[in-house]
Protein backbone atom coordinates (compact mmCIF):
# COMPACT_ATOMS: atom_id res chain seq x y z
CA UNK A 1 0.00 0.00 0.00
CA UNK A 2 1.35 3.41 -0.93
CA UNK A 3 -0.58 5.34 1.74
CA UNK A 4 -0.24 4.99 5.51
CA UNK A 5 -1.37 6.94 8.55
CA UNK A 6 -0.39 6.45 12.18
CA UNK A 7 -0.45 8.43 15.39
CA UNK A 8 1.92 9.11 18.26
CA UNK A 9 -0.25 9.60 21.33
CA UNK A 10 2.64 10.77 23.53
CA UNK A 11 3.60 13.55 21.10
CA UNK A 12 -0.05 14.11 20.09
CA UNK A 13 0.90 13.88 16.41
CA UNK A 14 -0.54 12.32 13.30
CA UNK A 15 1.76 11.00 10.57
CA UNK A 16 0.93 10.48 6.89
CA UNK A 17 3.26 8.57 4.56
CA UNK A 18 2.58 8.89 0.84
CA UNK A 19 4.62 6.85 -1.64
CA UNK A 20 4.38 5.73 -5.26
CA UNK A 21 1.24 6.76 -7.12
CA UNK A 22 -1.77 6.63 -4.76
CA UNK A 23 -5.10 5.63 -6.30
CA UNK A 24 -8.56 6.94 -5.47
CA UNK A 25 -9.40 3.63 -3.75
CA UNK A 26 -6.35 3.98 -1.50
CA UNK A 27 -7.27 7.59 -0.72
CA UNK A 28 -10.77 6.48 0.30
CA UNK A 29 -9.35 3.82 2.64
CA UNK A 30 -6.95 6.38 4.05
CA UNK A 31 -9.86 8.62 5.05
CA UNK A 32 -11.30 5.77 7.15
CA UNK A 33 -7.92 5.15 8.82
CA UNK A 34 -7.55 8.87 9.56
CA UNK A 35 -10.78 8.92 11.57
CA UNK A 36 -9.64 5.99 13.73
CA UNK A 37 -6.24 7.57 14.43
CA UNK A 38 -7.53 11.06 15.17
CA UNK A 39 -9.97 9.68 17.76
CA UNK A 40 -6.97 8.78 19.98
CA UNK A 41 -5.46 12.30 19.87
CA UNK A 42 -6.13 15.45 21.88
CA UNK A 43 -7.28 18.77 20.52
CA UNK A 44 -4.60 20.81 18.69
CA UNK A 45 -2.72 17.71 17.49
CA UNK A 46 0.08 18.29 14.99
CA UNK A 47 0.47 16.60 11.61
CA UNK A 48 3.46 15.54 9.51
CA UNK A 49 2.69 14.50 5.93
CA UNK A 50 5.63 12.82 4.23
CA UNK A 51 5.43 13.11 0.42
CA UNK A 52 9.15 12.49 -0.15
CA UNK A 53 8.53 9.12 -1.85
CA UNK A 54 5.31 10.08 -3.60
CA UNK A 55 5.14 10.63 -7.36
CA UNK A 56 1.77 12.33 -7.83
CA UNK A 57 -1.71 12.46 -6.33
CA UNK A 58 -4.19 11.34 -8.97
CA UNK A 59 -6.78 13.95 -9.90
CA UNK A 60 -9.65 11.60 -9.10
CA UNK A 61 -8.38 11.36 -5.51
CA UNK A 62 -8.19 15.10 -4.88
CA UNK A 63 -11.78 15.30 -3.60
CA UNK A 64 -10.88 12.80 -0.88
CA UNK A 65 -7.66 14.71 -0.18
CA UNK A 66 -9.74 17.85 0.48
CA UNK A 67 -12.17 15.78 2.56
CA UNK A 68 -9.29 14.63 4.78
CA UNK A 69 -8.01 18.21 5.16
CA UNK A 70 -11.48 19.31 6.23
CA UNK A 71 -11.83 16.44 8.71
CA UNK A 72 -8.52 17.34 10.37
CA UNK A 73 -9.53 20.99 10.60
CA UNK A 74 -12.95 20.31 12.13
CA UNK A 75 -11.40 17.92 14.66
CA UNK A 76 -8.86 20.39 16.06
CA UNK A 77 -5.66 20.13 14.02
CA UNK A 78 -2.79 22.37 15.17
CA UNK A 79 0.39 22.83 13.13
CA UNK A 80 0.83 20.96 9.84
CA UNK A 81 4.20 20.28 8.20
CA UNK A 82 4.65 18.60 4.82
CA UNK A 83 7.86 16.86 3.76
CA UNK A 84 8.21 17.33 0.02
CA UNK A 85 10.73 18.11 -2.70
CA UNK A 86 10.04 21.75 -3.56
CA UNK A 87 11.45 21.25 -7.07
CA UNK A 88 8.91 18.54 -7.93
CA UNK A 89 5.67 18.66 -9.88
CA UNK A 90 3.95 17.18 -6.84
CA UNK A 91 4.95 20.20 -4.74
CA UNK A 92 3.35 22.54 -7.27
CA UNK A 93 0.21 20.39 -7.37
CA UNK A 94 -0.19 20.11 -3.59
CA UNK A 95 0.65 23.76 -2.92
CA UNK A 96 -1.76 25.03 -5.59
CA UNK A 97 -4.52 22.81 -4.25
CA UNK A 98 -3.96 24.04 -0.68
CA UNK A 99 -3.94 27.68 -1.79
CA UNK A 100 -7.11 27.23 -3.84
CA UNK A 101 -9.35 25.86 -1.09
CA UNK A 102 -10.17 26.90 2.46
CA UNK A 103 -8.08 24.92 4.90
CA UNK A 104 -5.29 25.05 7.46
CA UNK A 105 -2.01 26.79 6.63
CA UNK A 106 0.93 24.46 6.00
CA UNK A 107 4.70 24.58 6.37
CA UNK A 108 7.00 22.81 3.89
CA UNK A 109 10.36 21.20 4.69
CA UNK A 110 12.77 18.89 2.89
CA UNK A 111 13.20 16.01 5.38
CA UNK A 112 11.21 14.15 8.00
CA UNK A 113 13.79 15.02 10.65
CA UNK A 114 13.42 18.69 9.83
CA UNK A 115 9.64 18.38 10.22
CA UNK A 116 10.02 16.85 13.69
CA UNK A 117 12.41 19.64 14.76
CA UNK A 118 10.06 22.27 13.38
CA UNK A 119 7.16 20.99 15.47
CA UNK A 120 9.33 20.59 18.58
CA UNK A 121 10.30 24.27 18.39
CA UNK A 122 6.93 25.77 17.49
CA UNK A 123 4.77 27.34 20.15
CA UNK A 124 1.10 26.46 19.98
CA UNK A 125 -1.08 29.15 18.43
CA UNK A 126 -4.40 30.21 19.85
CA UNK A 127 -6.47 28.99 16.93
CA UNK A 128 -5.68 27.07 13.75
CA UNK A 129 -4.62 29.30 10.85
CA UNK A 130 -6.87 28.88 7.82
CA UNK A 131 -6.05 29.80 4.23
CA UNK A 132 -8.83 32.08 2.97
CA UNK A 133 -7.80 32.56 -0.66
CA UNK A 134 -6.91 36.25 -0.43
CA UNK A 135 -10.31 37.25 0.98
CA UNK A 136 -10.79 41.05 0.86
CA UNK A 137 -10.68 42.99 4.13
CA UNK A 138 -11.05 46.67 4.94
CA UNK A 139 -9.24 48.29 7.84
CA UNK A 140 -8.53 51.70 9.26
CA UNK A 141 -6.55 53.24 12.08
CA UNK A 142 -7.50 56.18 14.29
CA UNK A 143 -10.82 56.45 12.40
CA UNK A 144 -8.96 57.67 9.30
CA UNK A 145 -9.15 56.52 5.69
CA UNK A 146 -10.43 53.02 4.95
CA UNK A 147 -7.78 50.79 3.36
CA UNK A 148 -8.42 47.57 1.42
CA UNK A 149 -6.21 44.51 1.73
CA UNK A 150 -6.30 40.73 1.33
CA UNK A 151 -6.27 38.19 4.15
CA UNK A 152 -3.65 35.46 3.64
CA UNK A 153 -4.71 33.36 6.62
CA UNK A 154 -7.21 33.73 9.42
CA UNK A 155 -7.89 32.23 12.84
CA UNK A 156 -10.06 33.14 15.82
CA UNK A 157 -7.05 34.90 17.37
CA UNK A 158 -5.70 36.92 14.45
CA UNK A 159 -4.84 37.11 10.78
CA UNK A 160 -2.16 37.98 8.22
CA UNK A 161 -3.00 40.76 5.76
CA UNK A 162 -1.35 41.70 2.46
CA UNK A 163 -1.77 45.37 1.58
CA UNK A 164 -0.40 47.75 -1.03
CA UNK A 165 -0.40 50.57 1.53
CA UNK A 166 2.06 49.58 4.21
CA UNK A 167 1.37 52.37 6.65
CA UNK A 168 1.10 50.28 9.81
CA UNK A 169 3.71 49.80 12.51
CA UNK A 170 4.17 47.17 15.20
CA UNK A 171 2.03 47.89 18.23
CA UNK A 172 -0.56 49.93 16.33
CA UNK A 173 -4.28 49.21 16.78
CA UNK A 174 -6.45 48.93 13.67
CA UNK A 175 -10.18 48.32 13.13
CA UNK A 176 -11.15 45.68 10.57
CA UNK A 177 -14.28 44.53 8.78
CA UNK A 178 -14.12 40.98 7.47
CA UNK A 179 -16.89 39.85 5.12
CA UNK A 180 -17.53 36.30 3.99
CA UNK A 181 -19.24 36.04 0.62
CA UNK A 182 -20.16 32.57 -0.58
CA UNK A 183 -23.01 31.86 -3.00
CA UNK A 184 -23.74 28.60 -1.17
CA UNK A 185 -23.83 30.28 2.26
CA UNK A 186 -25.29 33.55 3.51
CA UNK A 187 -23.07 36.64 3.64
CA UNK A 188 -21.62 37.28 7.10
CA UNK A 189 -19.60 40.18 8.51
CA UNK A 190 -17.22 40.47 11.45
CA UNK A 191 -15.99 43.74 12.94
CA UNK A 192 -12.92 43.42 15.14
CA UNK A 193 -10.00 45.44 16.46
CA UNK A 194 -6.47 44.11 16.41
CA UNK A 195 -2.90 44.98 17.28
CA UNK A 196 -0.19 44.79 14.62
CA UNK A 197 2.38 42.27 15.91
CA UNK A 198 4.55 41.75 12.81
CA UNK A 199 5.39 43.65 9.63
CA UNK A 200 7.15 41.84 6.79
CA UNK A 201 7.32 43.54 3.38
CA UNK A 202 3.79 44.01 2.12
CA UNK A 203 2.30 41.68 4.74
CA UNK A 204 1.52 42.32 8.39
CA UNK A 205 0.12 40.13 11.16
CA UNK A 206 -2.61 41.19 13.54
CA UNK A 207 -3.60 39.80 16.93
CA UNK A 208 -7.29 40.34 17.66
CA UNK A 209 -8.18 42.51 20.67
CA UNK A 210 -11.50 42.82 22.52
CA UNK A 211 -12.89 39.91 20.51
CA UNK A 212 -15.75 38.47 22.56
CA UNK A 213 -16.16 34.72 22.98
CA UNK A 214 -19.53 34.70 21.20
CA UNK A 215 -17.95 36.37 18.17
CA UNK A 216 -15.00 33.95 18.25
CA UNK A 217 -17.44 31.03 18.28
CA UNK A 218 -19.38 32.58 15.38
CA UNK A 219 -16.16 33.04 13.37
CA UNK A 220 -15.07 29.47 14.09
CA UNK A 221 -18.40 28.09 12.90
CA UNK A 222 -18.17 30.18 9.74
CA UNK A 223 -14.67 28.90 8.98
CA UNK A 224 -15.92 25.33 9.35
CA UNK A 225 -18.79 26.06 6.95
CA UNK A 226 -16.37 27.54 4.40
CA UNK A 227 -14.15 24.46 4.58
CA UNK A 228 -17.09 22.08 4.28
CA UNK A 229 -18.42 23.95 1.24
CA UNK A 230 -15.20 23.01 -0.61
CA UNK A 231 -16.08 19.29 -0.52
C-alpha atoms as a PDB file:
ATOM      1  CA  UNK A   1       0.000   0.000   0.000  1.00  0.00           C
ATOM      2  CA  UNK A   2       1.353   3.414  -0.926  1.00  0.00           C
ATOM      3  CA  UNK A   3      -0.582   5.341   1.741  1.00  0.00           C
ATOM      4  CA  UNK A   4      -0.241   4.990   5.508  1.00  0.00           C
ATOM      5  CA  UNK A   5      -1.371   6.944   8.550  1.00  0.00           C
ATOM      6  CA  UNK A   6      -0.390   6.446  12.177  1.00  0.00           C
ATOM      7  CA  UNK A   7      -0.452   8.425  15.392  1.00  0.00           C
ATOM      8  CA  UNK A   8       1.919   9.112  18.262  1.00  0.00           C
ATOM      9  CA  UNK A   9      -0.253   9.604  21.329  1.00  0.00           C
ATOM     10  CA  UNK A  10       2.643  10.765  23.526  1.00  0.00           C
ATOM     11  CA  UNK A  11       3.601  13.551  21.099  1.00  0.00           C
ATOM     12  CA  UNK A  12      -0.045  14.110  20.089  1.00  0.00           C
ATOM     13  CA  UNK A  13       0.895  13.879  16.413  1.00  0.00           C
ATOM     14  CA  UNK A  14      -0.542  12.319  13.303  1.00  0.00           C
ATOM     15  CA  UNK A  15       1.757  11.003  10.571  1.00  0.00           C
ATOM     16  CA  UNK A  16       0.934  10.479   6.892  1.00  0.00           C
ATOM     17  CA  UNK A  17       3.261   8.569   4.565  1.00  0.00           C
ATOM     18  CA  UNK A  18       2.583   8.894   0.838  1.00  0.00           C
ATOM     19  CA  UNK A  19       4.619   6.849  -1.641  1.00  0.00           C
ATOM     20  CA  UNK A  20       4.383   5.725  -5.256  1.00  0.00           C
ATOM     21  CA  UNK A  21       1.244   6.757  -7.116  1.00  0.00           C
ATOM     22  CA  UNK A  22      -1.769   6.630  -4.761  1.00  0.00           C
ATOM     23  CA  UNK A  23      -5.097   5.628  -6.300  1.00  0.00           C
ATOM     24  CA  UNK A  24      -8.557   6.935  -5.474  1.00  0.00           C
ATOM     25  CA  UNK A  25      -9.399   3.632  -3.746  1.00  0.00           C
ATOM     26  CA  UNK A  26      -6.352   3.975  -1.505  1.00  0.00           C
ATOM     27  CA  UNK A  27      -7.274   7.586  -0.719  1.00  0.00           C
ATOM     28  CA  UNK A  28     -10.774   6.479   0.299  1.00  0.00           C
ATOM     29  CA  UNK A  29      -9.353   3.819   2.636  1.00  0.00           C
ATOM     30  CA  UNK A  30      -6.952   6.379   4.048  1.00  0.00           C
ATOM     31  CA  UNK A  31      -9.858   8.619   5.052  1.00  0.00           C
ATOM     32  CA  UNK A  32     -11.301   5.767   7.152  1.00  0.00           C
ATOM     33  CA  UNK A  33      -7.918   5.151   8.816  1.00  0.00           C
ATOM     34  CA  UNK A  34      -7.554   8.868   9.558  1.00  0.00           C
ATOM     35  CA  UNK A  35     -10.775   8.917  11.565  1.00  0.00           C
ATOM     36  CA  UNK A  36      -9.640   5.992  13.731  1.00  0.00           C
ATOM     37  CA  UNK A  37      -6.240   7.566  14.426  1.00  0.00           C
ATOM     38  CA  UNK A  38      -7.535  11.059  15.171  1.00  0.00           C
ATOM     39  CA  UNK A  39      -9.966   9.684  17.764  1.00  0.00           C
ATOM     40  CA  UNK A  40      -6.966   8.784  19.981  1.00  0.00           C
ATOM     41  CA  UNK A  41      -5.458  12.296  19.870  1.00  0.00           C
ATOM     42  CA  UNK A  42      -6.127  15.446  21.883  1.00  0.00           C
ATOM     43  CA  UNK A  43      -7.277  18.770  20.517  1.00  0.00           C
ATOM     44  CA  UNK A  44      -4.600  20.807  18.693  1.00  0.00           C
ATOM     45  CA  UNK A  45      -2.722  17.711  17.488  1.00  0.00           C
ATOM     46  CA  UNK A  46       0.081  18.286  14.985  1.00  0.00           C
ATOM     47  CA  UNK A  47       0.473  16.596  11.606  1.00  0.00           C
ATOM     48  CA  UNK A  48       3.460  15.544   9.511  1.00  0.00           C
ATOM     49  CA  UNK A  49       2.692  14.500   5.927  1.00  0.00           C
ATOM     50  CA  UNK A  50       5.635  12.823   4.231  1.00  0.00           C
ATOM     51  CA  UNK A  51       5.431  13.115   0.420  1.00  0.00           C
ATOM     52  CA  UNK A  52       9.153  12.486  -0.148  1.00  0.00           C
ATOM     53  CA  UNK A  53       8.530   9.118  -1.848  1.00  0.00           C
ATOM     54  CA  UNK A  54       5.313  10.083  -3.603  1.00  0.00           C
ATOM     55  CA  UNK A  55       5.143  10.634  -7.360  1.00  0.00           C
ATOM     56  CA  UNK A  56       1.773  12.330  -7.833  1.00  0.00           C
ATOM     57  CA  UNK A  57      -1.705  12.456  -6.332  1.00  0.00           C
ATOM     58  CA  UNK A  58      -4.194  11.339  -8.973  1.00  0.00           C
ATOM     59  CA  UNK A  59      -6.776  13.951  -9.902  1.00  0.00           C
ATOM     60  CA  UNK A  60      -9.652  11.595  -9.101  1.00  0.00           C
ATOM     61  CA  UNK A  61      -8.381  11.361  -5.510  1.00  0.00           C
ATOM     62  CA  UNK A  62      -8.191  15.098  -4.883  1.00  0.00           C
ATOM     63  CA  UNK A  63     -11.776  15.300  -3.604  1.00  0.00           C
ATOM     64  CA  UNK A  64     -10.883  12.799  -0.885  1.00  0.00           C
ATOM     65  CA  UNK A  65      -7.656  14.714  -0.176  1.00  0.00           C
ATOM     66  CA  UNK A  66      -9.737  17.845   0.478  1.00  0.00           C
ATOM     67  CA  UNK A  67     -12.169  15.784   2.564  1.00  0.00           C
ATOM     68  CA  UNK A  68      -9.290  14.626   4.781  1.00  0.00           C
ATOM     69  CA  UNK A  69      -8.014  18.210   5.158  1.00  0.00           C
ATOM     70  CA  UNK A  70     -11.484  19.310   6.231  1.00  0.00           C
ATOM     71  CA  UNK A  71     -11.826  16.438   8.711  1.00  0.00           C
ATOM     72  CA  UNK A  72      -8.518  17.344  10.367  1.00  0.00           C
ATOM     73  CA  UNK A  73      -9.528  20.995  10.602  1.00  0.00           C
ATOM     74  CA  UNK A  74     -12.952  20.305  12.129  1.00  0.00           C
ATOM     75  CA  UNK A  75     -11.400  17.925  14.664  1.00  0.00           C
ATOM     76  CA  UNK A  76      -8.858  20.391  16.063  1.00  0.00           C
ATOM     77  CA  UNK A  77      -5.656  20.130  14.020  1.00  0.00           C
ATOM     78  CA  UNK A  78      -2.790  22.370  15.172  1.00  0.00           C
ATOM     79  CA  UNK A  79       0.391  22.828  13.132  1.00  0.00           C
ATOM     80  CA  UNK A  80       0.828  20.960   9.836  1.00  0.00           C
ATOM     81  CA  UNK A  81       4.195  20.283   8.200  1.00  0.00           C
ATOM     82  CA  UNK A  82       4.653  18.603   4.817  1.00  0.00           C
ATOM     83  CA  UNK A  83       7.858  16.858   3.765  1.00  0.00           C
ATOM     84  CA  UNK A  84       8.211  17.332   0.022  1.00  0.00           C
ATOM     85  CA  UNK A  85      10.732  18.114  -2.698  1.00  0.00           C
ATOM     86  CA  UNK A  86      10.042  21.754  -3.556  1.00  0.00           C
ATOM     87  CA  UNK A  87      11.446  21.246  -7.073  1.00  0.00           C
ATOM     88  CA  UNK A  88       8.910  18.543  -7.930  1.00  0.00           C
ATOM     89  CA  UNK A  89       5.668  18.660  -9.884  1.00  0.00           C
ATOM     90  CA  UNK A  90       3.946  17.182  -6.841  1.00  0.00           C
ATOM     91  CA  UNK A  91       4.948  20.205  -4.735  1.00  0.00           C
ATOM     92  CA  UNK A  92       3.350  22.542  -7.272  1.00  0.00           C
ATOM     93  CA  UNK A  93       0.210  20.394  -7.375  1.00  0.00           C
ATOM     94  CA  UNK A  94      -0.187  20.110  -3.586  1.00  0.00           C
ATOM     95  CA  UNK A  95       0.645  23.765  -2.921  1.00  0.00           C
ATOM     96  CA  UNK A  96      -1.761  25.028  -5.594  1.00  0.00           C
ATOM     97  CA  UNK A  97      -4.520  22.808  -4.247  1.00  0.00           C
ATOM     98  CA  UNK A  98      -3.961  24.044  -0.683  1.00  0.00           C
ATOM     99  CA  UNK A  99      -3.945  27.677  -1.793  1.00  0.00           C
ATOM    100  CA  UNK A 100      -7.107  27.235  -3.837  1.00  0.00           C
ATOM    101  CA  UNK A 101      -9.351  25.862  -1.087  1.00  0.00           C
ATOM    102  CA  UNK A 102     -10.172  26.901   2.464  1.00  0.00           C
ATOM    103  CA  UNK A 103      -8.080  24.916   4.898  1.00  0.00           C
ATOM    104  CA  UNK A 104      -5.290  25.052   7.459  1.00  0.00           C
ATOM    105  CA  UNK A 105      -2.005  26.786   6.626  1.00  0.00           C
ATOM    106  CA  UNK A 106       0.932  24.459   5.996  1.00  0.00           C
ATOM    107  CA  UNK A 107       4.704  24.577   6.371  1.00  0.00           C
ATOM    108  CA  UNK A 108       7.003  22.806   3.890  1.00  0.00           C
ATOM    109  CA  UNK A 109      10.356  21.198   4.690  1.00  0.00           C
ATOM    110  CA  UNK A 110      12.771  18.885   2.892  1.00  0.00           C
ATOM    111  CA  UNK A 111      13.201  16.013   5.376  1.00  0.00           C
ATOM    112  CA  UNK A 112      11.211  14.148   7.995  1.00  0.00           C
ATOM    113  CA  UNK A 113      13.792  15.023  10.652  1.00  0.00           C
ATOM    114  CA  UNK A 114      13.419  18.694   9.833  1.00  0.00           C
ATOM    115  CA  UNK A 115       9.638  18.376  10.221  1.00  0.00           C
ATOM    116  CA  UNK A 116      10.022  16.852  13.690  1.00  0.00           C
ATOM    117  CA  UNK A 117      12.409  19.637  14.760  1.00  0.00           C
ATOM    118  CA  UNK A 118      10.055  22.273  13.376  1.00  0.00           C
ATOM    119  CA  UNK A 119       7.162  20.991  15.473  1.00  0.00           C
ATOM    120  CA  UNK A 120       9.328  20.593  18.582  1.00  0.00           C
ATOM    121  CA  UNK A 121      10.303  24.270  18.388  1.00  0.00           C
ATOM    122  CA  UNK A 122       6.933  25.770  17.494  1.00  0.00           C
ATOM    123  CA  UNK A 123       4.772  27.342  20.153  1.00  0.00           C
ATOM    124  CA  UNK A 124       1.102  26.458  19.975  1.00  0.00           C
ATOM    125  CA  UNK A 125      -1.078  29.151  18.431  1.00  0.00           C
ATOM    126  CA  UNK A 126      -4.397  30.213  19.852  1.00  0.00           C
ATOM    127  CA  UNK A 127      -6.472  28.987  16.926  1.00  0.00           C
ATOM    128  CA  UNK A 128      -5.683  27.072  13.754  1.00  0.00           C
ATOM    129  CA  UNK A 129      -4.621  29.303  10.855  1.00  0.00           C
ATOM    130  CA  UNK A 130      -6.872  28.883   7.823  1.00  0.00           C
ATOM    131  CA  UNK A 131      -6.050  29.803   4.227  1.00  0.00           C
ATOM    132  CA  UNK A 132      -8.825  32.080   2.971  1.00  0.00           C
ATOM    133  CA  UNK A 133      -7.797  32.562  -0.662  1.00  0.00           C
ATOM    134  CA  UNK A 134      -6.912  36.247  -0.429  1.00  0.00           C
ATOM    135  CA  UNK A 135     -10.308  37.255   0.980  1.00  0.00           C
ATOM    136  CA  UNK A 136     -10.794  41.052   0.856  1.00  0.00           C
ATOM    137  CA  UNK A 137     -10.677  42.986   4.130  1.00  0.00           C
ATOM    138  CA  UNK A 138     -11.053  46.671   4.942  1.00  0.00           C
ATOM    139  CA  UNK A 139      -9.243  48.290   7.837  1.00  0.00           C
ATOM    140  CA  UNK A 140      -8.529  51.695   9.256  1.00  0.00           C
ATOM    141  CA  UNK A 141      -6.552  53.242  12.085  1.00  0.00           C
ATOM    142  CA  UNK A 142      -7.499  56.176  14.287  1.00  0.00           C
ATOM    143  CA  UNK A 143     -10.820  56.447  12.396  1.00  0.00           C
ATOM    144  CA  UNK A 144      -8.958  57.673   9.303  1.00  0.00           C
ATOM    145  CA  UNK A 145      -9.152  56.518   5.687  1.00  0.00           C
ATOM    146  CA  UNK A 146     -10.429  53.016   4.947  1.00  0.00           C
ATOM    147  CA  UNK A 147      -7.776  50.786   3.361  1.00  0.00           C
ATOM    148  CA  UNK A 148      -8.424  47.568   1.424  1.00  0.00           C
ATOM    149  CA  UNK A 149      -6.213  44.506   1.725  1.00  0.00           C
ATOM    150  CA  UNK A 150      -6.301  40.730   1.331  1.00  0.00           C
ATOM    151  CA  UNK A 151      -6.267  38.193   4.151  1.00  0.00           C
ATOM    152  CA  UNK A 152      -3.651  35.460   3.636  1.00  0.00           C
ATOM    153  CA  UNK A 153      -4.707  33.361   6.622  1.00  0.00           C
ATOM    154  CA  UNK A 154      -7.206  33.734   9.423  1.00  0.00           C
ATOM    155  CA  UNK A 155      -7.887  32.231  12.839  1.00  0.00           C
ATOM    156  CA  UNK A 156     -10.059  33.139  15.823  1.00  0.00           C
ATOM    157  CA  UNK A 157      -7.054  34.904  17.368  1.00  0.00           C
ATOM    158  CA  UNK A 158      -5.704  36.915  14.455  1.00  0.00           C
ATOM    159  CA  UNK A 159      -4.841  37.113  10.779  1.00  0.00           C
ATOM    160  CA  UNK A 160      -2.162  37.982   8.223  1.00  0.00           C
ATOM    161  CA  UNK A 161      -2.997  40.757   5.755  1.00  0.00           C
ATOM    162  CA  UNK A 162      -1.349  41.701   2.462  1.00  0.00           C
ATOM    163  CA  UNK A 163      -1.771  45.369   1.584  1.00  0.00           C
ATOM    164  CA  UNK A 164      -0.396  47.746  -1.033  1.00  0.00           C
ATOM    165  CA  UNK A 165      -0.403  50.569   1.530  1.00  0.00           C
ATOM    166  CA  UNK A 166       2.065  49.576   4.206  1.00  0.00           C
ATOM    167  CA  UNK A 167       1.372  52.367   6.647  1.00  0.00           C
ATOM    168  CA  UNK A 168       1.099  50.282   9.812  1.00  0.00           C
ATOM    169  CA  UNK A 169       3.715  49.799  12.513  1.00  0.00           C
ATOM    170  CA  UNK A 170       4.175  47.167  15.200  1.00  0.00           C
ATOM    171  CA  UNK A 171       2.033  47.889  18.234  1.00  0.00           C
ATOM    172  CA  UNK A 172      -0.558  49.930  16.329  1.00  0.00           C
ATOM    173  CA  UNK A 173      -4.277  49.209  16.783  1.00  0.00           C
ATOM    174  CA  UNK A 174      -6.452  48.925  13.669  1.00  0.00           C
ATOM    175  CA  UNK A 175     -10.177  48.325  13.127  1.00  0.00           C
ATOM    176  CA  UNK A 176     -11.146  45.680  10.568  1.00  0.00           C
ATOM    177  CA  UNK A 177     -14.279  44.534   8.782  1.00  0.00           C
ATOM    178  CA  UNK A 178     -14.123  40.975   7.468  1.00  0.00           C
ATOM    179  CA  UNK A 179     -16.892  39.849   5.123  1.00  0.00           C
ATOM    180  CA  UNK A 180     -17.526  36.296   3.991  1.00  0.00           C
ATOM    181  CA  UNK A 181     -19.245  36.042   0.616  1.00  0.00           C
ATOM    182  CA  UNK A 182     -20.157  32.571  -0.576  1.00  0.00           C
ATOM    183  CA  UNK A 183     -23.014  31.856  -2.999  1.00  0.00           C
ATOM    184  CA  UNK A 184     -23.743  28.597  -1.174  1.00  0.00           C
ATOM    185  CA  UNK A 185     -23.828  30.284   2.261  1.00  0.00           C
ATOM    186  CA  UNK A 186     -25.288  33.548   3.515  1.00  0.00           C
ATOM    187  CA  UNK A 187     -23.075  36.645   3.644  1.00  0.00           C
ATOM    188  CA  UNK A 188     -21.619  37.277   7.100  1.00  0.00           C
ATOM    189  CA  UNK A 189     -19.597  40.181   8.513  1.00  0.00           C
ATOM    190  CA  UNK A 190     -17.217  40.471  11.455  1.00  0.00           C
ATOM    191  CA  UNK A 191     -15.989  43.744  12.939  1.00  0.00           C
ATOM    192  CA  UNK A 192     -12.923  43.421  15.143  1.00  0.00           C
ATOM    193  CA  UNK A 193      -9.999  45.436  16.462  1.00  0.00           C
ATOM    194  CA  UNK A 194      -6.470  44.111  16.413  1.00  0.00           C
ATOM    195  CA  UNK A 195      -2.897  44.976  17.282  1.00  0.00           C
ATOM    196  CA  UNK A 196      -0.190  44.791  14.624  1.00  0.00           C
ATOM    197  CA  UNK A 197       2.384  42.273  15.908  1.00  0.00           C
ATOM    198  CA  UNK A 198       4.550  41.755  12.815  1.00  0.00           C
ATOM    199  CA  UNK A 199       5.388  43.654   9.633  1.00  0.00           C
ATOM    200  CA  UNK A 200       7.148  41.839   6.786  1.00  0.00           C
ATOM    201  CA  UNK A 201       7.325  43.537   3.384  1.00  0.00           C
ATOM    202  CA  UNK A 202       3.790  44.009   2.122  1.00  0.00           C
ATOM    203  CA  UNK A 203       2.304  41.680   4.741  1.00  0.00           C
ATOM    204  CA  UNK A 204       1.525  42.317   8.390  1.00  0.00           C
ATOM    205  CA  UNK A 205       0.123  40.127  11.159  1.00  0.00           C
ATOM    206  CA  UNK A 206      -2.615  41.192  13.542  1.00  0.00           C
ATOM    207  CA  UNK A 207      -3.598  39.797  16.934  1.00  0.00           C
ATOM    208  CA  UNK A 208      -7.289  40.342  17.659  1.00  0.00           C
ATOM    209  CA  UNK A 209      -8.178  42.514  20.666  1.00  0.00           C
ATOM    210  CA  UNK A 210     -11.498  42.823  22.516  1.00  0.00           C
ATOM    211  CA  UNK A 211     -12.892  39.906  20.514  1.00  0.00           C
ATOM    212  CA  UNK A 212     -15.750  38.470  22.558  1.00  0.00           C
ATOM    213  CA  UNK A 213     -16.162  34.717  22.979  1.00  0.00           C
ATOM    214  CA  UNK A 214     -19.527  34.697  21.197  1.00  0.00           C
ATOM    215  CA  UNK A 215     -17.945  36.371  18.175  1.00  0.00           C
ATOM    216  CA  UNK A 216     -15.003  33.954  18.247  1.00  0.00           C
ATOM    217  CA  UNK A 217     -17.439  31.034  18.276  1.00  0.00           C
ATOM    218  CA  UNK A 218     -19.379  32.578  15.380  1.00  0.00           C
ATOM    219  CA  UNK A 219     -16.161  33.036  13.367  1.00  0.00           C
ATOM    220  CA  UNK A 220     -15.072  29.466  14.091  1.00  0.00           C
ATOM    221  CA  UNK A 221     -18.405  28.089  12.896  1.00  0.00           C
ATOM    222  CA  UNK A 222     -18.169  30.176   9.737  1.00  0.00           C
ATOM    223  CA  UNK A 223     -14.669  28.905   8.984  1.00  0.00           C
ATOM    224  CA  UNK A 224     -15.917  25.335   9.347  1.00  0.00           C
ATOM    225  CA  UNK A 225     -18.795  26.063   6.951  1.00  0.00           C
ATOM    226  CA  UNK A 226     -16.375  27.539   4.397  1.00  0.00           C
ATOM    227  CA  UNK A 227     -14.145  24.459   4.583  1.00  0.00           C
ATOM    228  CA  UNK A 228     -17.092  22.080   4.284  1.00  0.00           C
ATOM    229  CA  UNK A 229     -18.416  23.948   1.243  1.00  0.00           C
ATOM    230  CA  UNK A 230     -15.202  23.005  -0.611  1.00  0.00           C
ATOM    231  CA  UNK A 231     -16.075  19.294  -0.524  1.00  0.00           C
END
